Amino acid sequence: MYGLIGKIKTADGKRDELISILLEGTSDMPGCIQYVIAKDTNDVNAIWVTEVWDTQENHQNSLSLPLVQEAITRGKPLMAGFGERFETVPVGGHGLQ
């Protein structure tokens, strides 16, 4: 498995709008086991995205899917930058196969 945890910083007041776009544009991604979007509790303009994929290749391939490309195009103007980014190797746990 391949995991990715990343922080996205949004323009002032645009967090909920970006979350909505990401939720719409990240359904039905082949190989995606989990895709969780969470609000940062200390920064009203930041979100965390936690991803679990069956392979790193499927994660990479997802970036070219039409729905994902549309979400990127719509969401990019709402983003102010990125924070920490961590690659992981998920080994199991509640909710994972």
Protein backbone atom coordinates (compact mmCIF):
# COMPACT_ATOMS: atom_id res chain seq x y z
CA MET A 1 0.00 0.00 0.00
CA TYR A 2 0.96 3.63 -0.44
CA GLY A 3 -0.06 6.47 1.86
CA LEU A 4 0.09 10.21 1.62
CA ILE A 5 -0.75 12.85 4.23
CA GLY A 6 -0.65 16.46 3.15
CA LYS A 7 -1.68 19.91 4.31
CA ILE A 8 -3.31 22.38 1.93
CA LYS A 9 -3.53 26.03 2.87
CA THR A 10 -6.47 27.94 1.43
CA ALA A 11 -7.13 31.57 0.67
CA ASP A 12 -8.92 33.37 3.51
CA GLY A 13 -12.41 32.02 3.96
CA LYS A 14 -12.17 29.51 1.11
CA ARG A 15 -11.62 26.30 3.10
CA ASP A 16 -15.19 24.97 2.93
CA GLU A 17 -15.44 25.74 -0.79
CA LEU A 18 -12.21 23.83 -1.48
CA ILE A 19 -13.37 20.91 0.66
CA SER A 20 -16.58 20.73 -1.37
CA ILE A 21 -14.65 20.66 -4.65
CA LEU A 22 -12.28 17.97 -3.38
CA LEU A 23 -15.15 15.81 -2.14
CA GLU A 24 -16.85 16.00 -5.55
CA GLY A 25 -13.71 15.41 -7.55
CA THR A 26 -12.21 12.52 -5.67
CA SER A 27 -14.89 9.86 -5.89
CA ASP A 28 -14.39 6.75 -7.97
CA MET A 29 -10.60 6.69 -8.15
CA PRO A 30 -9.32 3.21 -9.08
CA GLY A 31 -7.01 1.83 -6.40
CA CYS A 32 -8.01 4.38 -3.77
CA ILE A 33 -8.75 2.67 -0.47
CA GLN A 34 -9.29 5.82 1.60
CA TYR A 35 -9.36 9.54 0.84
CA VAL A 36 -10.08 11.60 3.93
CA ILE A 37 -10.35 15.39 3.99
CA ALA A 38 -10.18 17.02 7.43
CA LYS A 39 -10.29 20.56 8.74
CA ASP A 40 -7.20 21.71 10.65
CA THR A 41 -8.27 22.58 14.20
CA ASN A 42 -5.65 25.32 14.63
CA ASP A 43 -5.85 27.05 11.25
CA VAL A 44 -9.22 28.08 9.78
CA ASN A 45 -7.61 28.24 6.34
CA ALA A 46 -6.05 24.77 6.24
CA ILE A 47 -7.10 21.21 5.50
CA TRP A 48 -5.40 17.84 5.74
CA VAL A 49 -5.79 15.15 3.12
CA THR A 50 -5.01 11.57 4.12
CA GLU A 51 -4.85 9.05 1.29
CA VAL A 52 -4.38 5.28 1.21
CA TRP A 53 -3.84 3.58 -2.16
CA ASP A 54 -3.26 0.01 -3.17
CA THR A 55 -0.16 1.15 -5.11
CA GLN A 56 1.84 4.33 -5.64
CA GLU A 57 1.27 3.89 -9.37
CA ASN A 58 -2.53 4.11 -8.95
CA HIS A 59 -2.08 7.28 -6.93
CA GLN A 60 0.04 8.77 -9.71
CA ASN A 61 -2.46 7.65 -12.36
CA SER A 62 -5.33 9.27 -10.45
CA LEU A 63 -3.87 12.70 -11.14
CA SER A 64 -4.81 12.35 -14.82
CA LEU A 65 -8.43 11.28 -14.25
CA PRO A 66 -10.94 13.80 -15.70
CA LEU A 67 -12.76 14.31 -12.35
CA VAL A 68 -9.48 14.89 -10.53
CA GLN A 69 -8.21 17.25 -13.24
CA GLU A 70 -11.45 19.23 -13.00
CA ALA A 71 -11.15 19.42 -9.20
CA ILE A 72 -7.56 20.65 -9.53
CA THR A 73 -8.58 23.31 -12.05
CA ARG A 74 -11.50 24.51 -9.91
CA GLY A 75 -9.63 24.27 -6.61
CA LYS A 76 -6.29 25.80 -7.55
CA PRO A 77 -7.48 29.44 -7.32
CA LEU A 78 -8.69 28.74 -3.76
CA MET A 79 -5.31 27.42 -2.60
CA ALA A 80 -2.72 29.61 -0.94
CA GLY A 81 -0.05 26.90 -0.76
CA PHE A 82 0.93 23.63 0.78
CA GLY A 83 2.26 22.66 4.18
CA GLU A 84 3.77 19.43 5.38
CA ARG A 85 3.66 16.36 3.15
CA PHE A 86 4.38 12.84 4.32
CA GLU A 87 4.57 9.60 2.33
CA THR A 88 3.76 6.48 4.32
CA VAL A 89 3.42 2.72 3.94
CA PRO A 90 0.10 1.75 5.54
CA VAL A 91 0.24 -1.68 7.16
CA GLY A 92 -3.32 -2.08 8.44
CA GLY A 93 -5.78 -0.86 10.98
CA HIS A 94 -9.48 -0.17 11.39
CA GLY A 95 -11.02 0.52 8.00
CA LEU A 96 -8.15 -0.90 5.96
CA GLN A 97 -8.30 -4.24 4.20
